[in-house]
Amino acid sequence: FLGGGFEQTKIKPGTNIPAYYLAYADTYGYTSNAIPLTLGWSRDDRDSALAPNSGRYQRLNSEWSAAGDARYVRANYQYQQYVPLNKKFTLAFNGELGLGKGIGGRPFPVFKNFYSGGLGSVRGFDQGTLGPRDITGASIGGPKKVTLNAELIAPFPGAGNDRTLRVFGFVDAGNVFGDNEKMSMSEMRASAGLGLSWISPLGPLRLAYAQPVRKQAGDKIQKLQFQIGTSF
């Protein structure tokens, strides 16, 4: 797919503005414009989009803003592979890499940052709290993201081969990094746990309990997490 758009960001001055909003306004002003062009590609040969047992899924999204106040490039690539071990058990792997960079001597805009932590990235950590923080301690994400997930999926006990209700064990690893930070394995966070997935009338529901196995002081932990509409 190919597209384009016009974005205008306005920050209204006040007494409780997050520090990273003020830093953005110091660079781009309290009103800034961007004209991003988007280019993307995806390919899906899984046997099911909701409860896959075999196949591969790939997705690449890129964004380029070469005009306006905020000028940057941003790309995100995701790869999933499902490997059936037998009629009941499936191994699933997910990898995601995101990169962003300001161009024309301008910093990468904070509103385009990637986030990590929680369902969809590294379970066991509070949603979107990994990576850089501003001077107040608020999580602001970063222009570099790495996520790695592995799951062993099985039918729910007593449900036969019903693929709409399954249990899974998982291991996650990942983090986001600042513009001037190296993507270092020593800074990666990791967790392991168990979960339940159900294809409900509302869509895929996932409940996961994770125990962080690699964390650092100051990380926000949330062991039990629930989300709608995600496969990892």
C-alpha atoms as a PDB file:
ATOM      1  CA  PHE A   1       0.000   0.000   0.000  1.00  0.00           C
ATOM      2  CA  LEU A   2       1.001   3.584  -0.613  1.00  0.00           C
ATOM      3  CA  GLY A   3      -0.397   6.713   0.973  1.00  0.00           C
ATOM      4  CA  GLY A   4       0.207  10.237   2.159  1.00  0.00           C
ATOM      5  CA  GLY A   5      -1.232  12.681   4.634  1.00  0.00           C
ATOM      6  CA  PHE A   6      -1.009  15.952   6.485  1.00  0.00           C
ATOM      7  CA  GLU A   7      -0.564  16.082  10.259  1.00  0.00           C
ATOM      8  CA  GLN A   8      -0.752  19.067  12.562  1.00  0.00           C
ATOM      9  CA  THR A   9       0.303  18.793  16.197  1.00  0.00           C
ATOM     10  CA  LYS A  10      -0.805  21.438  18.686  1.00  0.00           C
ATOM     11  CA  ILE A  11       0.406  21.672  22.271  1.00  0.00           C
ATOM     12  CA  LYS A  12      -1.653  23.949  24.463  1.00  0.00           C
ATOM     13  CA  PRO A  13       0.438  25.646  27.169  1.00  0.00           C
ATOM     14  CA  GLY A  14      -0.594  24.836  30.713  1.00  0.00           C
ATOM     15  CA  THR A  15       0.697  23.947  34.157  1.00  0.00           C
ATOM     16  CA  ASN A  16       0.674  20.149  33.842  1.00  0.00           C
ATOM     17  CA  ILE A  17       2.331  19.623  30.454  1.00  0.00           C
ATOM     18  CA  PRO A  18       4.632  16.559  30.407  1.00  0.00           C
ATOM     19  CA  ALA A  19       8.302  17.466  30.149  1.00  0.00           C
ATOM     20  CA  TYR A  20       8.734  15.687  26.811  1.00  0.00           C
ATOM     21  CA  TYR A  21       5.873  17.782  25.324  1.00  0.00           C
ATOM     22  CA  LEU A  22       7.761  20.914  26.336  1.00  0.00           C
ATOM     23  CA  ALA A  23      10.978  19.548  24.818  1.00  0.00           C
ATOM     24  CA  TYR A  24       9.095  18.876  21.574  1.00  0.00           C
ATOM     25  CA  ALA A  25       7.639  22.416  21.612  1.00  0.00           C
ATOM     26  CA  ASP A  26      11.099  23.926  22.157  1.00  0.00           C
ATOM     27  CA  THR A  27      12.249  22.259  18.940  1.00  0.00           C
ATOM     28  CA  TYR A  28       9.189  22.421  16.681  1.00  0.00           C
ATOM     29  CA  GLY A  29       6.994  25.061  18.306  1.00  0.00           C
ATOM     30  CA  TYR A  30       3.629  24.644  20.005  1.00  0.00           C
ATOM     31  CA  THR A  31       2.053  24.104  16.562  1.00  0.00           C
ATOM     32  CA  SER A  32       3.916  21.964  14.043  1.00  0.00           C
ATOM     33  CA  ASN A  33       3.122  20.319  10.720  1.00  0.00           C
ATOM     34  CA  ALA A  34       4.296  17.175   8.953  1.00  0.00           C
ATOM     35  CA  ILE A  35       3.506  15.716   5.526  1.00  0.00           C
ATOM     36  CA  PRO A  36       4.232  11.980   5.846  1.00  0.00           C
ATOM     37  CA  LEU A  37       4.326   9.598   2.900  1.00  0.00           C
ATOM     38  CA  THR A  38       3.684   5.953   3.775  1.00  0.00           C
ATOM     39  CA  LEU A  39       4.741   2.782   2.013  1.00  0.00           C
ATOM     40  CA  GLY A  40       3.861  -0.681   3.257  1.00  0.00           C
ATOM     41  CA  TRP A  41       3.783  -4.343   2.314  1.00  0.00           C
ATOM     42  CA  SER A  42       2.357  -7.457   3.953  1.00  0.00           C
ATOM     43  CA  ARG A  43       2.057 -11.141   3.177  1.00  0.00           C
ATOM     44  CA  ASP A  44      -0.003 -13.687   5.082  1.00  0.00           C
ATOM     45  CA  ASP A  45      -0.039 -17.419   4.360  1.00  0.00           C
ATOM     46  CA  ARG A  46      -1.185 -18.615   7.796  1.00  0.00           C
ATOM     47  CA  ASP A  47      -3.937 -21.225   7.855  1.00  0.00           C
ATOM     48  CA  SER A  48      -6.019 -18.896  10.063  1.00  0.00           C
ATOM     49  CA  ALA A  49      -5.777 -15.222  10.945  1.00  0.00           C
ATOM     50  CA  LEU A  50      -7.480 -15.708  14.333  1.00  0.00           C
ATOM     51  CA  ALA A  51      -6.133 -19.077  15.530  1.00  0.00           C
ATOM     52  CA  PRO A  52      -3.156 -19.981  13.343  1.00  0.00           C
ATOM     53  CA  ASN A  53      -1.521 -23.386  13.520  1.00  0.00           C
ATOM     54  CA  SER A  54       0.885 -23.144  10.590  1.00  0.00           C
ATOM     55  CA  GLY A  55       2.227 -20.596   8.134  1.00  0.00           C
ATOM     56  CA  ARG A  56       3.993 -17.271   8.071  1.00  0.00           C
ATOM     57  CA  TYR A  57       3.008 -13.622   8.400  1.00  0.00           C
ATOM     58  CA  GLN A  58       5.148 -10.614   7.435  1.00  0.00           C
ATOM     59  CA  ARG A  59       4.441  -6.895   7.587  1.00  0.00           C
ATOM     60  CA  LEU A  60       6.571  -3.865   6.667  1.00  0.00           C
ATOM     61  CA  ASN A  61       5.433  -0.277   7.251  1.00  0.00           C
ATOM     62  CA  SER A  62       7.506   2.812   6.468  1.00  0.00           C
ATOM     63  CA  GLU A  63       6.890   6.533   6.836  1.00  0.00           C
ATOM     64  CA  TRP A  64       8.823   9.486   5.442  1.00  0.00           C
ATOM     65  CA  SER A  65       8.125  13.124   6.250  1.00  0.00           C
ATOM     66  CA  ALA A  66      10.312  15.217   3.951  1.00  0.00           C
ATOM     67  CA  ALA A  67       8.320  18.439   4.297  1.00  0.00           C
ATOM     68  CA  GLY A  68       6.887  20.473   7.145  1.00  0.00           C
ATOM     69  CA  ASP A  69       8.332  21.195  10.578  1.00  0.00           C
ATOM     70  CA  ALA A  70       8.848  17.598  11.715  1.00  0.00           C
ATOM     71  CA  ARG A  71      11.057  15.693   9.261  1.00  0.00           C
ATOM     72  CA  TYR A  72      11.865  12.072   9.868  1.00  0.00           C
ATOM     73  CA  VAL A  73      11.910   8.521   8.531  1.00  0.00           C
ATOM     74  CA  ARG A  74      10.323   5.594  10.377  1.00  0.00           C
ATOM     75  CA  ALA A  75      10.043   1.892   9.554  1.00  0.00           C
ATOM     76  CA  ASN A  76       8.652  -1.175  11.294  1.00  0.00           C
ATOM     77  CA  TYR A  77       9.050  -4.831  10.250  1.00  0.00           C
ATOM     78  CA  GLN A  78       7.223  -7.779  11.833  1.00  0.00           C
ATOM     79  CA  TYR A  79       7.718 -11.501  11.183  1.00  0.00           C
ATOM     80  CA  GLN A  80       5.638 -14.374  12.577  1.00  0.00           C
ATOM     81  CA  GLN A  81       6.089 -18.108  12.040  1.00  0.00           C
ATOM     82  CA  TYR A  82       3.792 -20.923  13.210  1.00  0.00           C
ATOM     83  CA  VAL A  83       5.183 -24.475  13.280  1.00  0.00           C
ATOM     84  CA  PRO A  84       2.779 -27.370  13.990  1.00  0.00           C
ATOM     85  CA  LEU A  85       4.423 -30.053  16.136  1.00  0.00           C
ATOM     86  CA  ASN A  86       1.397 -32.362  15.856  1.00  0.00           C
ATOM     87  CA  LYS A  87      -2.396 -32.032  15.774  1.00  0.00           C
ATOM     88  CA  LYS A  88      -2.472 -30.413  19.211  1.00  0.00           C
ATOM     89  CA  PHE A  89       0.747 -28.470  19.793  1.00  0.00           C
ATOM     90  CA  THR A  90       2.106 -25.469  17.870  1.00  0.00           C
ATOM     91  CA  LEU A  91       5.290 -23.464  18.224  1.00  0.00           C
ATOM     92  CA  ALA A  92       4.862 -19.760  17.417  1.00  0.00           C
ATOM     93  CA  PHE A  93       7.571 -17.151  16.934  1.00  0.00           C
ATOM     94  CA  ASN A  94       7.254 -13.393  16.587  1.00  0.00           C
ATOM     95  CA  GLY A  95       9.935 -10.795  15.875  1.00  0.00           C
ATOM     96  CA  GLU A  96       9.554  -7.054  15.430  1.00  0.00           C
ATOM     97  CA  LEU A  97      12.102  -4.362  14.631  1.00  0.00           C
ATOM     98  CA  GLY A  98      11.329  -0.636  14.552  1.00  0.00           C
ATOM     99  CA  LEU A  99      13.698   2.178  13.581  1.00  0.00           C
ATOM    100  CA  GLY A 100      13.206   5.936  13.327  1.00  0.00           C
ATOM    101  CA  LYS A 101      15.497   8.879  12.638  1.00  0.00           C
ATOM    102  CA  GLY A 102      15.140  12.633  12.327  1.00  0.00           C
ATOM    103  CA  ILE A 103      16.394  14.089   9.059  1.00  0.00           C
ATOM    104  CA  GLY A 104      17.629  17.524   8.030  1.00  0.00           C
ATOM    105  CA  GLY A 105      19.403  17.982  11.342  1.00  0.00           C
ATOM    106  CA  ARG A 106      16.138  17.692  13.293  1.00  0.00           C
ATOM    107  CA  PRO A 107      15.490  15.263  16.168  1.00  0.00           C
ATOM    108  CA  PHE A 108      13.038  12.407  15.803  1.00  0.00           C
ATOM    109  CA  PRO A 109       9.601  13.667  16.977  1.00  0.00           C
ATOM    110  CA  VAL A 110       8.564  12.138  20.295  1.00  0.00           C
ATOM    111  CA  PHE A 111       4.995  11.545  19.064  1.00  0.00           C
ATOM    112  CA  LYS A 112       6.358   8.977  16.579  1.00  0.00           C
ATOM    113  CA  ASN A 113       8.228   6.955  19.195  1.00  0.00           C
ATOM    114  CA  PHE A 114       7.814   3.196  19.565  1.00  0.00           C
ATOM    115  CA  TYR A 115       6.704   1.725  22.899  1.00  0.00           C
ATOM    116  CA  SER A 116       7.336  -1.601  24.607  1.00  0.00           C
ATOM    117  CA  GLY A 117       6.058  -3.447  27.640  1.00  0.00           C
ATOM    118  CA  GLY A 118       2.849  -5.400  28.149  1.00  0.00           C
ATOM    119  CA  LEU A 119       0.781  -7.608  25.848  1.00  0.00           C
ATOM    120  CA  GLY A 120       1.929  -7.271  22.270  1.00  0.00           C
ATOM    121  CA  SER A 121       5.572  -6.823  23.301  1.00  0.00           C
ATOM    122  CA  VAL A 122       7.173  -7.903  26.604  1.00  0.00           C
ATOM    123  CA  ARG A 123       4.541  -9.282  28.944  1.00  0.00           C
ATOM    124  CA  GLY A 124       5.003  -8.897  32.691  1.00  0.00           C
ATOM    125  CA  PHE A 125       5.947  -5.220  32.422  1.00  0.00           C
ATOM    126  CA  ASP A 126       3.417  -2.413  32.605  1.00  0.00           C
ATOM    127  CA  GLN A 127       2.037  -1.423  29.203  1.00  0.00           C
ATOM    128  CA  GLY A 128       4.341   0.939  27.293  1.00  0.00           C
ATOM    129  CA  THR A 129       6.705   1.644  30.195  1.00  0.00           C
ATOM    130  CA  LEU A 130      10.024   0.210  28.978  1.00  0.00           C
ATOM    131  CA  GLY A 131      12.803   2.360  27.583  1.00  0.00           C
ATOM    132  CA  PRO A 132      13.688   6.057  27.965  1.00  0.00           C
ATOM    133  CA  ARG A 133      11.974   8.400  30.409  1.00  0.00           C
ATOM    134  CA  ASP A 134      11.879  12.167  30.728  1.00  0.00           C
ATOM    135  CA  ILE A 135      13.142  14.144  33.728  1.00  0.00           C
ATOM    136  CA  THR A 136       9.886  13.487  35.605  1.00  0.00           C
ATOM    137  CA  GLY A 137      10.165   9.724  35.153  1.00  0.00           C
ATOM    138  CA  ALA A 138       7.391   9.452  32.555  1.00  0.00           C
ATOM    139  CA  SER A 139       7.922   6.813  29.854  1.00  0.00           C
ATOM    140  CA  ILE A 140       8.365   8.416  26.442  1.00  0.00           C
ATOM    141  CA  GLY A 141       9.247   5.438  24.217  1.00  0.00           C
ATOM    142  CA  GLY A 142      12.043   5.652  21.685  1.00  0.00           C
ATOM    143  CA  PRO A 143      12.915   5.601  17.978  1.00  0.00           C
ATOM    144  CA  LYS A 144      14.379   2.054  18.166  1.00  0.00           C
ATOM    145  CA  LYS A 145      12.451  -1.060  19.142  1.00  0.00           C
ATOM    146  CA  VAL A 146      13.224  -4.782  19.334  1.00  0.00           C
ATOM    147  CA  THR A 147      10.669  -7.450  20.320  1.00  0.00           C
ATOM    148  CA  LEU A 148      11.131 -11.232  20.353  1.00  0.00           C
ATOM    149  CA  ASN A 149       8.437 -13.719  21.407  1.00  0.00           C
ATOM    150  CA  ALA A 150       8.130 -17.505  21.462  1.00  0.00           C
ATOM    151  CA  GLU A 151       5.031 -19.487  22.423  1.00  0.00           C
ATOM    152  CA  LEU A 152       4.060 -23.136  22.811  1.00  0.00           C
ATOM    153  CA  ILE A 153       0.317 -23.342  22.122  1.00  0.00           C
ATOM    154  CA  ALA A 154      -1.950 -26.238  23.146  1.00  0.00           C
ATOM    155  CA  PRO A 155      -5.719 -26.903  23.343  1.00  0.00           C
ATOM    156  CA  PHE A 156      -7.429 -26.053  26.624  1.00  0.00           C
ATOM    157  CA  PRO A 157      -7.611 -29.195  28.788  1.00  0.00           C
ATOM    158  CA  GLY A 158     -10.858 -31.025  28.069  1.00  0.00           C
ATOM    159  CA  ALA A 159     -11.622 -28.981  24.931  1.00  0.00           C
ATOM    160  CA  GLY A 160     -10.289 -31.538  22.453  1.00  0.00           C
ATOM    161  CA  ASN A 161      -8.776 -29.850  19.404  1.00  0.00           C
ATOM    162  CA  ASP A 162     -10.923 -26.738  19.713  1.00  0.00           C
ATOM    163  CA  ARG A 163      -8.653 -23.969  18.401  1.00  0.00           C
ATOM    164  CA  THR A 164     -10.905 -21.165  19.651  1.00  0.00           C
ATOM    165  CA  LEU A 165      -9.884 -21.862  23.264  1.00  0.00           C
ATOM    166  CA  ARG A 166      -6.195 -22.558  23.861  1.00  0.00           C
ATOM    167  CA  VAL A 167      -3.500 -22.227  26.509  1.00  0.00           C
ATOM    168  CA  PHE A 168       0.098 -21.223  25.888  1.00  0.00           C
ATOM    169  CA  GLY A 169       3.453 -20.895  27.567  1.00  0.00           C
ATOM    170  CA  PHE A 170       5.713 -18.067  26.429  1.00  0.00           C
ATOM    171  CA  VAL A 171       9.056 -16.326  26.646  1.00  0.00           C
ATOM    172  CA  ASP A 172       9.379 -12.644  25.687  1.00  0.00           C
ATOM    173  CA  ALA A 173      12.329 -10.291  25.269  1.00  0.00           C
ATOM    174  CA  GLY A 174      12.660  -6.714  24.053  1.00  0.00           C
ATOM    175  CA  ASN A 175      13.032  -3.026  24.781  1.00  0.00           C
ATOM    176  CA  VAL A 176      12.982   0.405  23.180  1.00  0.00           C
ATOM    177  CA  PHE A 177      16.020   2.669  22.938  1.00  0.00           C
ATOM    178  CA  GLY A 178      16.705   6.396  22.685  1.00  0.00           C
ATOM    179  CA  ASP A 179      18.118   8.140  19.637  1.00  0.00           C
ATOM    180  CA  ASN A 180      21.643   8.191  21.061  1.00  0.00           C
ATOM    181  CA  GLU A 181      21.472   4.748  22.680  1.00  0.00           C
ATOM    182  CA  LYS A 182      22.900   1.570  21.200  1.00  0.00           C
ATOM    183  CA  MET A 183      20.544  -1.376  20.804  1.00  0.00           C
ATOM    184  CA  SER A 184      22.310  -3.498  23.383  1.00  0.00           C
ATOM    185  CA  MET A 185      21.419  -7.041  24.447  1.00  0.00           C
ATOM    186  CA  SER A 186      22.475  -6.122  27.988  1.00  0.00           C
ATOM    187  CA  GLU A 187      19.568  -3.659  28.161  1.00  0.00           C
ATOM    188  CA  MET A 188      16.935  -6.114  26.940  1.00  0.00           C
ATOM    189  CA  ARG A 189      14.143  -7.083  29.333  1.00  0.00           C
ATOM    190  CA  ALA A 190      12.741 -10.620  29.392  1.00  0.00           C
ATOM    191  CA  SER A 191       9.841 -12.525  30.920  1.00  0.00           C
ATOM    192  CA  ALA A 192       8.213 -15.954  30.911  1.00  0.00           C
ATOM    193  CA  GLY A 193       4.721 -17.120  31.767  1.00  0.00           C
ATOM    194  CA  LEU A 194       1.432 -18.798  30.910  1.00  0.00           C
ATOM    195  CA  GLY A 195      -1.653 -17.547  29.132  1.00  0.00           C
ATOM    196  CA  LEU A 196      -5.141 -18.267  27.844  1.00  0.00           C
ATOM    197  CA  SER A 197      -6.508 -17.258  24.437  1.00  0.00           C
ATOM    198  CA  TRP A 198     -10.168 -17.312  23.390  1.00  0.00           C
ATOM    199  CA  ILE A 199     -11.672 -16.376  20.037  1.00  0.00           C
ATOM    200  CA  SER A 200     -14.761 -14.638  21.389  1.00  0.00           C
ATOM    201  CA  PRO A 201     -17.580 -12.853  19.512  1.00  0.00           C
ATOM    202  CA  LEU A 202     -15.693  -9.624  20.316  1.00  0.00           C
ATOM    203  CA  GLY A 203     -12.478 -10.889  18.738  1.00  0.00           C
ATOM    204  CA  PRO A 204      -9.329 -12.550  20.096  1.00  0.00           C
ATOM    205  CA  LEU A 205      -9.069 -12.256  23.889  1.00  0.00           C
ATOM    206  CA  ARG A 206      -5.797 -13.014  25.655  1.00  0.00           C
ATOM    207  CA  LEU A 207      -5.057 -13.303  29.345  1.00  0.00           C
ATOM    208  CA  ALA A 208      -1.428 -13.723  30.390  1.00  0.00           C
ATOM    209  CA  TYR A 209       0.453 -14.123  33.658  1.00  0.00           C
ATOM    210  CA  ALA A 210       4.148 -13.314  33.288  1.00  0.00           C
ATOM    211  CA  GLN A 211       7.121 -13.303  35.603  1.00  0.00           C
ATOM    212  CA  PRO A 212       9.940 -10.912  34.617  1.00  0.00           C
ATOM    213  CA  VAL A 213      13.192 -12.872  34.493  1.00  0.00           C
ATOM    214  CA  ARG A 214      15.369  -9.982  33.380  1.00  0.00           C
ATOM    215  CA  LYS A 215      14.567  -6.564  34.812  1.00  0.00           C
ATOM    216  CA  GLN A 216      16.225  -3.495  36.267  1.00  0.00           C
ATOM    217  CA  ALA A 217      15.531  -1.170  39.159  1.00  0.00           C
ATOM    218  CA  GLY A 218      12.722   1.234  38.343  1.00  0.00           C
ATOM    219  CA  ASP A 219      10.921  -1.065  35.895  1.00  0.00           C
ATOM    220  CA  LYS A 220       7.144  -1.103  36.352  1.00  0.00           C
ATOM    221  CA  ILE A 221       5.858  -4.654  36.753  1.00  0.00           C
ATOM    222  CA  GLN A 222       2.361  -5.892  35.896  1.00  0.00           C
ATOM    223  CA  LYS A 223       2.237  -9.678  36.048  1.00  0.00           C
ATOM    224  CA  LEU A 224      -1.413 -10.256  35.072  1.00  0.00           C
ATOM    225  CA  GLN A 225      -2.530  -8.640  31.802  1.00  0.00           C
ATOM    226  CA  PHE A 226      -5.589  -8.778  29.547  1.00  0.00           C
ATOM    227  CA  GLN A 227      -6.066  -7.498  26.013  1.00  0.00           C
ATOM    228  CA  ILE A 228      -8.427  -7.746  23.029  1.00  0.00           C
ATOM    229  CA  GLY A 229      -7.358  -8.135  19.417  1.00  0.00           C
ATOM    230  CA  THR A 230      -3.705  -9.207  19.529  1.00  0.00           C
ATOM    231  CA  SER A 231      -2.093 -12.515  18.582  1.00  0.00           C
ATOM    232  CA  PHE A 232       1.012 -12.011  20.751  1.00  0.00           C
END
